[in-house]
Amino acid sequence: MNAIDSKQRAATAREHLAVARERLEVADIAPGPSEMAQVAASNAILSGIAAADAICGTVLGECSSDPDHRAASQMLRRVQGADGLAAKLQQLVADKTAIQYGGYCTNSVARASVARAEALVNALQQHGL
């Protein structure tokens, strides 16, 4: 993965996070599970994965291409000081199937997913992205 690829993945991470935040604002209006909460959580997951790709690409020169996204969290652990980020990514990935292929999720689930993604996206700047 080269520098251009890493910057593009960082931009993708930020865009997914922006969508997640927008949908979360709408989801907060209605109580209970909703399609907006699900879209917010789903985009947060995609944001976290893209941010991890960008960080790994910049620091390690590669990112995980394994279809099992858990491999991305293991790769992120190879980045010095990224254990906490890897744990956040691991939780996002653990929730991926239920959120992206299951029923609607609650606002609290979406809010937690967005918070995890925000931590990963905020770390991009520390790595020059």
Protein backbone atom coordinates (compact mmCIF):
# COMPACT_ATOMS: atom_id res chain seq x y z
CA MET A 1 0.00 0.00 0.00
CA ASN A 2 1.50 3.34 -1.00
CA ALA A 3 1.05 6.84 0.43
CA ILE A 4 -1.69 7.76 -2.05
CA ASP A 5 -3.66 4.62 -1.17
CA SER A 6 -3.33 5.42 2.54
CA LYS A 7 -4.57 8.99 2.04
CA GLN A 8 -7.52 7.73 0.00
CA ARG A 9 -8.47 5.22 2.71
CA ALA A 10 -8.20 8.01 5.30
CA ALA A 11 -10.56 10.17 3.23
CA THR A 12 -12.96 7.23 2.92
CA ALA A 13 -12.85 6.73 6.70
CA ARG A 14 -13.70 10.38 7.29
CA GLU A 15 -16.57 10.30 4.80
CA HIS A 16 -18.12 7.18 6.35
CA LEU A 17 -17.80 8.79 9.78
CA ALA A 18 -19.53 11.95 8.53
CA VAL A 19 -22.46 9.87 7.25
CA ALA A 20 -22.57 7.94 10.53
CA ARG A 21 -22.75 11.17 12.54
CA GLU A 22 -25.51 12.58 10.32
CA ARG A 23 -27.62 9.46 10.63
CA LEU A 24 -27.04 9.29 14.37
CA GLU A 25 -28.45 12.81 14.75
CA VAL A 26 -31.62 11.72 12.95
CA ALA A 27 -31.79 8.45 14.89
CA ASP A 28 -31.62 10.30 18.20
CA ILE A 29 -35.00 11.87 17.43
CA ALA A 30 -36.86 8.56 17.54
CA PRO A 31 -36.53 6.07 20.40
CA GLY A 32 -35.94 2.39 19.84
CA PRO A 33 -34.32 0.50 16.99
CA SER A 34 -34.38 2.31 13.65
CA GLU A 35 -33.00 2.18 10.14
CA MET A 36 -31.12 5.43 10.80
CA ALA A 37 -29.35 3.94 13.81
CA GLN A 38 -28.45 0.90 11.72
CA VAL A 39 -27.07 3.08 8.91
CA ALA A 40 -25.08 5.11 11.47
CA ALA A 41 -23.58 1.98 13.03
CA SER A 42 -22.89 0.37 9.66
CA ASN A 43 -21.05 3.44 8.38
CA ALA A 44 -19.12 3.66 11.64
CA ILE A 45 -17.91 0.10 11.08
CA LEU A 46 -16.81 0.90 7.53
CA SER A 47 -15.12 4.06 8.81
CA GLY A 48 -13.16 2.13 11.43
CA ILE A 49 -12.00 -0.47 8.92
CA ALA A 50 -10.89 2.21 6.45
CA ALA A 51 -9.06 4.14 9.18
CA ALA A 52 -7.21 1.00 10.27
CA ASP A 53 -6.26 0.33 6.65
CA ALA A 54 -4.87 3.86 6.32
CA ILE A 55 -2.89 3.67 9.56
CA CYS A 56 -1.45 0.25 8.74
CA GLY A 57 -0.70 1.34 5.19
CA THR A 58 1.23 4.36 6.41
CA VAL A 59 3.09 2.73 9.30
CA LEU A 60 3.51 -0.85 8.08
CA GLY A 61 3.35 -0.34 4.31
CA GLU A 62 0.47 -2.79 4.03
CA CYS A 63 -3.09 -3.33 5.14
CA SER A 64 -5.09 -6.47 5.65
CA SER A 65 -6.77 -7.89 2.57
CA ASP A 66 -8.18 -10.84 4.47
CA PRO A 67 -11.95 -11.16 4.01
CA ASP A 68 -12.12 -11.84 7.75
CA HIS A 69 -11.85 -8.29 9.11
CA ARG A 70 -10.56 -9.59 12.44
CA ALA A 71 -7.20 -9.88 10.70
CA ALA A 72 -7.18 -6.08 10.35
CA SER A 73 -7.35 -5.63 14.12
CA GLN A 74 -4.46 -8.07 14.55
CA MET A 75 -2.44 -6.14 11.99
CA LEU A 76 -3.26 -2.85 13.71
CA ARG A 77 -1.77 -4.27 16.93
CA ARG A 78 1.59 -4.31 15.13
CA VAL A 79 1.51 -0.50 15.06
CA GLN A 80 3.27 0.88 18.14
CA GLY A 81 0.78 2.28 20.65
CA ALA A 82 -2.28 1.08 18.74
CA ASP A 83 -3.50 -1.69 21.07
CA GLY A 84 -6.43 0.44 22.24
CA LEU A 85 -7.37 1.27 18.66
CA ALA A 86 -7.12 -2.40 17.72
CA ALA A 87 -9.53 -3.26 20.54
CA LYS A 88 -12.01 -0.67 19.24
CA LEU A 89 -11.69 -2.05 15.72
CA GLN A 90 -12.09 -5.59 17.04
CA GLN A 91 -15.41 -4.61 18.66
CA LEU A 92 -16.61 -2.88 15.48
CA VAL A 93 -15.76 -5.97 13.45
CA ALA A 94 -17.43 -8.25 16.01
CA ASP A 95 -20.65 -6.25 15.58
CA LYS A 96 -20.41 -6.07 11.77
CA THR A 97 -22.54 -9.07 10.79
CA ALA A 98 -25.36 -8.34 13.22
CA ILE A 99 -25.49 -4.66 12.30
CA GLN A 100 -25.02 -4.91 8.55
CA TYR A 101 -27.05 -8.04 7.92
CA GLY A 102 -29.42 -8.19 10.88
CA GLY A 103 -32.34 -6.08 11.97
CA TYR A 104 -32.31 -2.49 13.07
CA CYS A 105 -30.08 -1.56 16.00
CA THR A 106 -30.70 0.88 18.84
CA ASN A 107 -29.36 4.40 19.18
CA SER A 108 -27.08 3.31 22.02
CA VAL A 109 -25.48 0.63 19.82
CA ALA A 110 -25.05 3.16 17.02
CA ARG A 111 -23.62 5.75 19.41
CA ALA A 112 -21.04 3.24 20.73
CA SER A 113 -20.06 2.28 17.18
CA VAL A 114 -19.64 5.92 16.17
CA ALA A 115 -17.49 6.59 19.26
CA ARG A 116 -15.19 3.68 18.36
CA ALA A 117 -14.90 4.88 14.77
CA GLU A 118 -14.17 8.43 15.95
CA ALA A 119 -11.21 7.16 17.97
CA LEU A 120 -9.79 5.43 14.91
CA VAL A 121 -10.38 8.41 12.61
CA ASN A 122 -8.89 10.81 15.19
CA ALA A 123 -5.75 8.66 15.21
CA LEU A 124 -5.24 9.29 11.49
CA GLN A 125 -3.79 12.72 12.21
CA GLN A 126 -1.18 11.23 14.54
CA HIS A 127 0.07 9.24 11.57
CA GLY A 128 0.22 12.17 9.15
CA LEU A 129 -3.07 11.43 7.45
